PDB file of all heavy atoms in Angstrom:
ATOM      1  N   GLY A   1     148.293 166.232  58.937  1.00  0.00           N
ATOM      2  CA  GLY A   1     149.149 167.357  59.259  1.00  0.00           C
ATOM      3  C   GLY A   1     149.344 168.251  58.028  1.00  0.00           C
ATOM      4  O   GLY A   1     149.933 169.331  58.129  1.00  0.00           O
ATOM      5  N   ARG A   2     148.836 167.845  56.899  1.00  0.00           N
ATOM      6  CA  ARG A   2     149.005 168.588  55.637  1.00  0.00           C
ATOM      7  C   ARG A   2     147.934 169.531  55.283  1.00  0.00           C
ATOM      8  O   ARG A   2     148.074 170.439  54.513  1.00  0.00           O
ATOM      9  CB  ARG A   2     149.183 167.572  54.504  1.00  0.00           C
ATOM     10  CG  ARG A   2     150.462 166.736  54.509  1.00  0.00           C
ATOM     11  CD  ARG A   2     150.755 166.039  53.166  1.00  0.00           C
ATOM     12  NE  ARG A   2     149.903 164.940  53.008  1.00  0.00           N
ATOM     13  CZ  ARG A   2     150.221 163.711  53.464  1.00  0.00           C
ATOM     14  NH1 ARG A   2     151.336 163.525  53.896  1.00  0.00           N
ATOM     15  NH2 ARG A   2     149.445 162.666  53.181  1.00  0.00           N
ATOM     16  N   SER A   3     146.860 169.428  56.052  1.00  0.00           N
ATOM     17  CA  SER A   3     145.670 170.385  55.838  1.00  0.00           C
ATOM     18  C   SER A   3     145.523 171.260  56.969  1.00  0.00           C
ATOM     19  O   SER A   3     145.390 170.671  58.114  1.00  0.00           O
ATOM     20  CB  SER A   3     144.396 169.702  55.413  1.00  0.00           C
ATOM     21  OG  SER A   3     144.591 168.873  54.214  1.00  0.00           O
ATOM     22  N   THR A   4     145.525 172.491  56.916  1.00  0.00           N
ATOM     23  CA  THR A   4     145.333 173.500  57.961  1.00  0.00           C
ATOM     24  C   THR A   4     144.294 174.451  57.619  1.00  0.00           C
ATOM     25  O   THR A   4     144.070 174.781  56.432  1.00  0.00           O
ATOM     26  CB  THR A   4     146.629 174.190  58.272  1.00  0.00           C
ATOM     27  OG1 THR A   4     147.145 174.877  57.111  1.00  0.00           O
ATOM     28  CG2 THR A   4     147.694 173.226  58.802  1.00  0.00           C
ATOM     29  N   TYR A   5     143.689 174.954  58.652  1.00  0.00           N
ATOM     30  CA  TYR A   5     142.533 175.823  58.502  1.00  0.00           C
ATOM     31  C   TYR A   5     142.693 176.951  59.578  1.00  0.00           C
ATOM     32  O   TYR A   5     143.102 176.770  60.603  1.00  0.00           O
ATOM     33  CB  TYR A   5     141.231 175.053  58.670  1.00  0.00           C
ATOM     34  CG  TYR A   5     141.066 173.851  57.820  1.00  0.00           C
ATOM     35  CD1 TYR A   5     141.630 172.635  58.242  1.00  0.00           C
ATOM     36  CD2 TYR A   5     140.495 173.924  56.531  1.00  0.00           C
ATOM     37  CE1 TYR A   5     141.516 171.504  57.489  1.00  0.00           C
ATOM     38  CE2 TYR A   5     140.456 172.808  55.762  1.00  0.00           C
ATOM     39  CZ  TYR A   5     140.925 171.625  56.265  1.00  0.00           C
ATOM     40  OH  TYR A   5     140.836 170.466  55.415  1.00  0.00           O
ATOM     41  N   TYR A   6     142.298 178.177  59.053  1.00  0.00           N
ATOM     42  CA  TYR A   6     142.443 179.331  59.912  1.00  0.00           C
ATOM     43  C   TYR A   6     141.286 180.186  59.935  1.00  0.00           C
ATOM     44  O   TYR A   6     140.596 180.416  58.861  1.00  0.00           O
ATOM     45  CB  TYR A   6     143.707 180.175  59.525  1.00  0.00           C
ATOM     46  CG  TYR A   6     144.892 179.361  59.733  1.00  0.00           C
ATOM     47  CD1 TYR A   6     145.459 178.716  58.467  1.00  0.00           C
ATOM     48  CD2 TYR A   6     145.667 179.338  60.861  1.00  0.00           C
ATOM     49  CE1 TYR A   6     146.713 177.968  58.657  1.00  0.00           C
ATOM     50  CE2 TYR A   6     146.869 178.572  60.969  1.00  0.00           C
ATOM     51  CZ  TYR A   6     147.317 177.954  59.924  1.00  0.00           C
ATOM     52  OH  TYR A   6     148.584 177.221  59.931  1.00  0.00           O
ATOM     53  N   ALA A   7     140.943 180.864  61.086  1.00  0.00           N
ATOM     54  CA  ALA A   7     139.994 181.967  61.003  1.00  0.00           C
ATOM     55  C   ALA A   7     140.628 183.121  60.231  1.00  0.00           C
ATOM     56  O   ALA A   7     141.877 183.373  60.301  1.00  0.00           O
ATOM     57  CB  ALA A   7     139.752 182.422  62.466  1.00  0.00           C
ATOM     58  N   ASP A   8     139.739 183.864  59.608  1.00  0.00           N
ATOM     59  CA  ASP A   8     140.320 185.109  58.776  1.00  0.00           C
ATOM     60  C   ASP A   8     141.126 185.990  59.676  1.00  0.00           C
ATOM     61  O   ASP A   8     141.987 186.601  59.125  1.00  0.00           O
ATOM     62  CB  ASP A   8     139.033 185.784  58.236  1.00  0.00           C
ATOM     63  CG  ASP A   8     138.510 185.014  57.094  1.00  0.00           C
ATOM     64  OD1 ASP A   8     139.101 184.067  56.521  1.00  0.00           O
ATOM     65  OD2 ASP A   8     137.253 185.295  56.734  1.00  0.00           O
ATOM     66  N   SER A   9     140.745 186.148  60.966  1.00  0.00           N
ATOM     67  CA  SER A   9     141.340 187.201  61.811  1.00  0.00           C
ATOM     68  C   SER A   9     142.850 186.813  62.079  1.00  0.00           C
ATOM     69  O   SER A   9     143.585 187.619  62.548  1.00  0.00           O
ATOM     70  CB  SER A   9     140.554 187.277  63.075  1.00  0.00           C
ATOM     71  OG  SER A   9     140.490 186.058  63.760  1.00  0.00           O
ATOM     72  N   VAL A  10     143.157 185.564  61.906  1.00  0.00           N
ATOM     73  CA  VAL A  10     144.626 185.238  62.292  1.00  0.00           C
ATOM     74  C   VAL A  10     145.330 184.704  60.992  1.00  0.00           C
ATOM     75  O   VAL A  10     146.615 184.353  61.192  1.00  0.00           O
ATOM     76  CB  VAL A  10     144.559 184.021  63.336  1.00  0.00           C
ATOM     77  CG1 VAL A  10     143.783 184.458  64.617  1.00  0.00           C
ATOM     78  CG2 VAL A  10     144.091 182.767  62.820  1.00  0.00           C
ATOM     79  N   LYS A  11     144.670 184.595  59.891  1.00  0.00           N
ATOM     80  CA  LYS A  11     145.402 184.069  58.734  1.00  0.00           C
ATOM     81  C   LYS A  11     146.626 184.968  58.329  1.00  0.00           C
ATOM     82  O   LYS A  11     146.488 186.118  58.424  1.00  0.00           O
ATOM     83  CB  LYS A  11     144.368 183.939  57.574  1.00  0.00           C
ATOM     84  CG  LYS A  11     144.735 183.093  56.453  1.00  0.00           C
ATOM     85  CD  LYS A  11     143.497 182.935  55.472  1.00  0.00           C
ATOM     86  CE  LYS A  11     142.363 182.244  56.182  1.00  0.00           C
ATOM     87  NZ  LYS A  11     141.142 182.009  55.188  1.00  0.00           N
ATOM     88  N   GLY A  12     147.605 184.288  58.186  1.00  0.00           N
ATOM     89  CA  GLY A  12     148.873 184.965  57.724  1.00  0.00           C
ATOM     90  C   GLY A  12     149.687 185.300  58.903  1.00  0.00           C
ATOM     91  O   GLY A  12     150.897 185.816  58.892  1.00  0.00           O
ATOM     92  N   ARG A  13     149.132 185.317  60.254  1.00  0.00           N
ATOM     93  CA  ARG A  13     149.898 185.578  61.387  1.00  0.00           C
ATOM     94  C   ARG A  13     150.115 184.360  62.236  1.00  0.00           C
ATOM     95  O   ARG A  13     151.131 184.266  62.998  1.00  0.00           O
ATOM     96  CB  ARG A  13     149.155 186.534  62.207  1.00  0.00           C
ATOM     97  CG  ARG A  13     148.893 187.939  61.483  1.00  0.00           C
ATOM     98  CD  ARG A  13     148.400 189.025  62.331  1.00  0.00           C
ATOM     99  NE  ARG A  13     147.021 188.567  62.899  1.00  0.00           N
ATOM    100  CZ  ARG A  13     146.749 188.528  64.171  1.00  0.00           C
ATOM    101  NH1 ARG A  13     147.632 188.715  65.086  1.00  0.00           N
ATOM    102  NH2 ARG A  13     145.508 188.188  64.655  1.00  0.00           N
ATOM    103  N   PHE A  14     149.184 183.386  62.231  1.00  0.00           N
ATOM    104  CA  PHE A  14     149.352 182.223  63.092  1.00  0.00           C
ATOM    105  C   PHE A  14     149.513 181.012  62.218  1.00  0.00           C
ATOM    106  O   PHE A  14     149.066 180.916  61.152  1.00  0.00           O
ATOM    107  CB  PHE A  14     147.910 182.053  63.892  1.00  0.00           C
ATOM    108  CG  PHE A  14     147.637 182.894  64.994  1.00  0.00           C
ATOM    109  CD1 PHE A  14     148.473 184.173  65.099  1.00  0.00           C
ATOM    110  CD2 PHE A  14     146.638 182.729  65.826  1.00  0.00           C
ATOM    111  CE1 PHE A  14     148.105 185.119  66.069  1.00  0.00           C
ATOM    112  CE2 PHE A  14     146.290 183.675  66.857  1.00  0.00           C
ATOM    113  CZ  PHE A  14     147.067 184.775  67.013  1.00  0.00           C
ATOM    114  N   THR A  15     150.258 180.093  62.930  1.00  0.00           N
ATOM    115  CA  THR A  15     150.542 178.761  62.197  1.00  0.00           C
ATOM    116  C   THR A  15     150.263 177.643  63.078  1.00  0.00           C
ATOM    117  O   THR A  15     150.884 177.513  64.130  1.00  0.00           O
ATOM    118  CB  THR A  15     151.953 178.802  61.630  1.00  0.00           C
ATOM    119  OG1 THR A  15     152.198 179.814  60.715  1.00  0.00           O
ATOM    120  CG2 THR A  15     152.295 177.441  60.801  1.00  0.00           C
ATOM    121  N   ILE A  16     149.522 176.771  62.736  1.00  0.00           N
ATOM    122  CA  ILE A  16     149.286 175.436  63.376  1.00  0.00           C
ATOM    123  C   ILE A  16     150.068 174.406  62.798  1.00  0.00           C
ATOM    124  O   ILE A  16     150.193 174.318  61.548  1.00  0.00           O
ATOM    125  CB  ILE A  16     147.626 175.027  63.474  1.00  0.00           C
ATOM    126  CG1 ILE A  16     147.459 173.946  64.351  1.00  0.00           C
ATOM    127  CG2 ILE A  16     147.246 174.723  62.089  1.00  0.00           C
ATOM    128  CD1 ILE A  16     146.019 173.670  64.674  1.00  0.00           C
ATOM    129  N   SER A  17     150.640 173.532  63.748  1.00  0.00           N
ATOM    130  CA  SER A  17     151.437 172.418  63.283  1.00  0.00           C
ATOM    131  C   SER A  17     151.301 171.235  64.272  1.00  0.00           C
ATOM    132  O   SER A  17     150.847 171.543  65.483  1.00  0.00           O
ATOM    133  CB  SER A  17     152.863 172.831  63.152  1.00  0.00           C
ATOM    134  OG  SER A  17     153.376 173.199  64.295  1.00  0.00           O
ATOM    135  N   SER A  18     151.736 170.089  63.891  1.00  0.00           N
ATOM    136  CA  SER A  18     151.740 168.983  64.831  1.00  0.00           C
ATOM    137  C   SER A  18     152.803 168.097  64.689  1.00  0.00           C
ATOM    138  O   SER A  18     153.474 168.027  63.647  1.00  0.00           O
ATOM    139  CB  SER A  18     150.304 168.193  64.674  1.00  0.00           C
ATOM    140  OG  SER A  18     150.335 167.557  63.188  1.00  0.00           O
ATOM    141  N   ASP A  19     153.176 167.424  65.750  1.00  0.00           N
ATOM    142  CA  ASP A  19     154.294 166.482  65.822  1.00  0.00           C
ATOM    143  C   ASP A  19     153.646 165.188  66.333  1.00  0.00           C
ATOM    144  O   ASP A  19     153.479 165.081  67.589  1.00  0.00           O
ATOM    145  CB  ASP A  19     155.385 166.942  66.737  1.00  0.00           C
ATOM    146  CG  ASP A  19     156.575 166.131  66.671  1.00  0.00           C
ATOM    147  OD1 ASP A  19     156.523 164.902  66.326  1.00  0.00           O
ATOM    148  OD2 ASP A  19     157.684 166.589  67.060  1.00  0.00           O
ATOM    149  N   ASN A  20     153.381 164.212  65.484  1.00  0.00           N
ATOM    150  CA  ASN A  20     152.762 162.990  65.834  1.00  0.00           C
ATOM    151  C   ASN A  20     153.675 162.132  66.759  1.00  0.00           C
ATOM    152  O   ASN A  20     153.144 161.425  67.572  1.00  0.00           O
ATOM    153  CB  ASN A  20     152.330 162.232  64.654  1.00  0.00           C
ATOM    154  CG  ASN A  20     151.121 162.770  64.001  1.00  0.00           C
ATOM    155  OD1 ASN A  20     150.623 163.829  64.319  1.00  0.00           O
ATOM    156  ND2 ASN A  20     150.625 162.005  63.017  1.00  0.00           N
ATOM    157  N   ALA A  21     154.981 162.251  66.708  1.00  0.00           N
ATOM    158  CA  ALA A  21     155.918 161.534  67.481  1.00  0.00           C
ATOM    159  C   ALA A  21     155.833 161.918  68.897  1.00  0.00           C
ATOM    160  O   ALA A  21     156.070 161.217  69.880  1.00  0.00           O
ATOM    161  CB  ALA A  21     157.326 161.707  66.884  1.00  0.00           C
ATOM    162  N   LYS A  22     155.415 163.247  69.015  1.00  0.00           N
ATOM    163  CA  LYS A  22     155.429 163.773  70.400  1.00  0.00           C
ATOM    164  C   LYS A  22     154.006 163.963  70.878  1.00  0.00           C
ATOM    165  O   LYS A  22     153.713 164.495  71.952  1.00  0.00           O
ATOM    166  CB  LYS A  22     156.168 165.144  70.532  1.00  0.00           C
ATOM    167  CG  LYS A  22     157.617 165.045  70.218  1.00  0.00           C
ATOM    168  CD  LYS A  22     158.280 166.498  70.271  1.00  0.00           C
ATOM    169  CE  LYS A  22     159.832 166.418  70.085  1.00  0.00           C
ATOM    170  NZ  LYS A  22     160.411 167.722  70.165  1.00  0.00           N
ATOM    171  N   ASN A  23     152.955 163.584  70.101  1.00  0.00           N
ATOM    172  CA  ASN A  23     151.550 163.829  70.477  1.00  0.00           C
ATOM    173  C   ASN A  23     151.320 165.280  70.823  1.00  0.00           C
ATOM    174  O   ASN A  23     150.574 165.503  71.834  1.00  0.00           O
ATOM    175  CB  ASN A  23     151.185 162.894  71.588  1.00  0.00           C
ATOM    176  CG  ASN A  23     150.909 161.418  71.157  1.00  0.00           C
ATOM    177  OD1 ASN A  23     151.372 161.111  70.034  1.00  0.00           O
ATOM    178  ND2 ASN A  23     150.288 160.653  71.944  1.00  0.00           N
ATOM    179  N   THR A  24     151.864 166.118  70.082  1.00  0.00           N
ATOM    180  CA  THR A  24     151.730 167.554  70.427  1.00  0.00           C
ATOM    181  C   THR A  24     151.361 168.429  69.216  1.00  0.00           C
ATOM    182  O   THR A  24     151.698 168.155  68.056  1.00  0.00           O
ATOM    183  CB  THR A  24     153.095 168.097  70.949  1.00  0.00           C
ATOM    184  OG1 THR A  24     153.469 167.346  72.162  1.00  0.00           O
ATOM    185  CG2 THR A  24     153.022 169.542  71.365  1.00  0.00           C
ATOM    186  N   VAL A  25     150.515 169.419  69.460  1.00  0.00           N
ATOM    187  CA  VAL A  25     150.057 170.303  68.459  1.00  0.00           C
ATOM    188  C   VAL A  25     150.482 171.783  68.875  1.00  0.00           C
ATOM    189  O   VAL A  25     150.431 171.984  70.160  1.00  0.00           O
ATOM    190  CB  VAL A  25     148.571 170.251  68.185  1.00  0.00           C
ATOM    191  CG1 VAL A  25     147.824 170.589  69.328  1.00  0.00           C
ATOM    192  CG2 VAL A  25     148.215 171.166  66.948  1.00  0.00           C
ATOM    193  N   TYR A  26     150.915 172.522  68.037  1.00  0.00           N
ATOM    194  CA  TYR A  26     151.471 173.888  68.276  1.00  0.00           C
ATOM    195  C   TYR A  26     150.510 174.877  67.618  1.00  0.00           C
ATOM    196  O   TYR A  26     149.959 174.710  66.648  1.00  0.00           O
ATOM    197  CB  TYR A  26     152.877 174.030  67.789  1.00  0.00           C
ATOM    198  CG  TYR A  26     153.845 172.885  68.348  1.00  0.00           C
ATOM    199  CD1 TYR A  26     154.130 171.741  67.654  1.00  0.00           C
ATOM    200  CD2 TYR A  26     154.271 173.067  69.624  1.00  0.00           C
ATOM    201  CE1 TYR A  26     154.896 170.706  68.077  1.00  0.00           C
ATOM    202  CE2 TYR A  26     155.274 172.072  70.179  1.00  0.00           C
ATOM    203  CZ  TYR A  26     155.484 170.902  69.392  1.00  0.00           C
ATOM    204  OH  TYR A  26     156.293 169.928  69.893  1.00  0.00           O
ATOM    205  N   LEU A  27     150.760 176.117  68.219  1.00  0.00           N
ATOM    206  CA  LEU A  27     150.156 177.280  67.475  1.00  0.00           C
ATOM    207  C   LEU A  27     151.241 178.416  67.673  1.00  0.00           C
ATOM    208  O   LEU A  27     151.416 178.920  68.688  1.00  0.00           O
ATOM    209  CB  LEU A  27     148.810 177.735  68.116  1.00  0.00           C
ATOM    210  CG  LEU A  27     148.114 178.879  67.462  1.00  0.00           C
ATOM    211  CD1 LEU A  27     147.577 178.363  66.084  1.00  0.00           C
ATOM    212  CD2 LEU A  27     146.926 179.428  68.336  1.00  0.00           C
TER     213      LEU A  27
END
């Protein structure tokens, strides 16, 4: 969860995150 990668077109606007306790990833 500490390394994230983005397409140039969304960098600075989108954020990906995850919650392992909930088995869920967010955008």
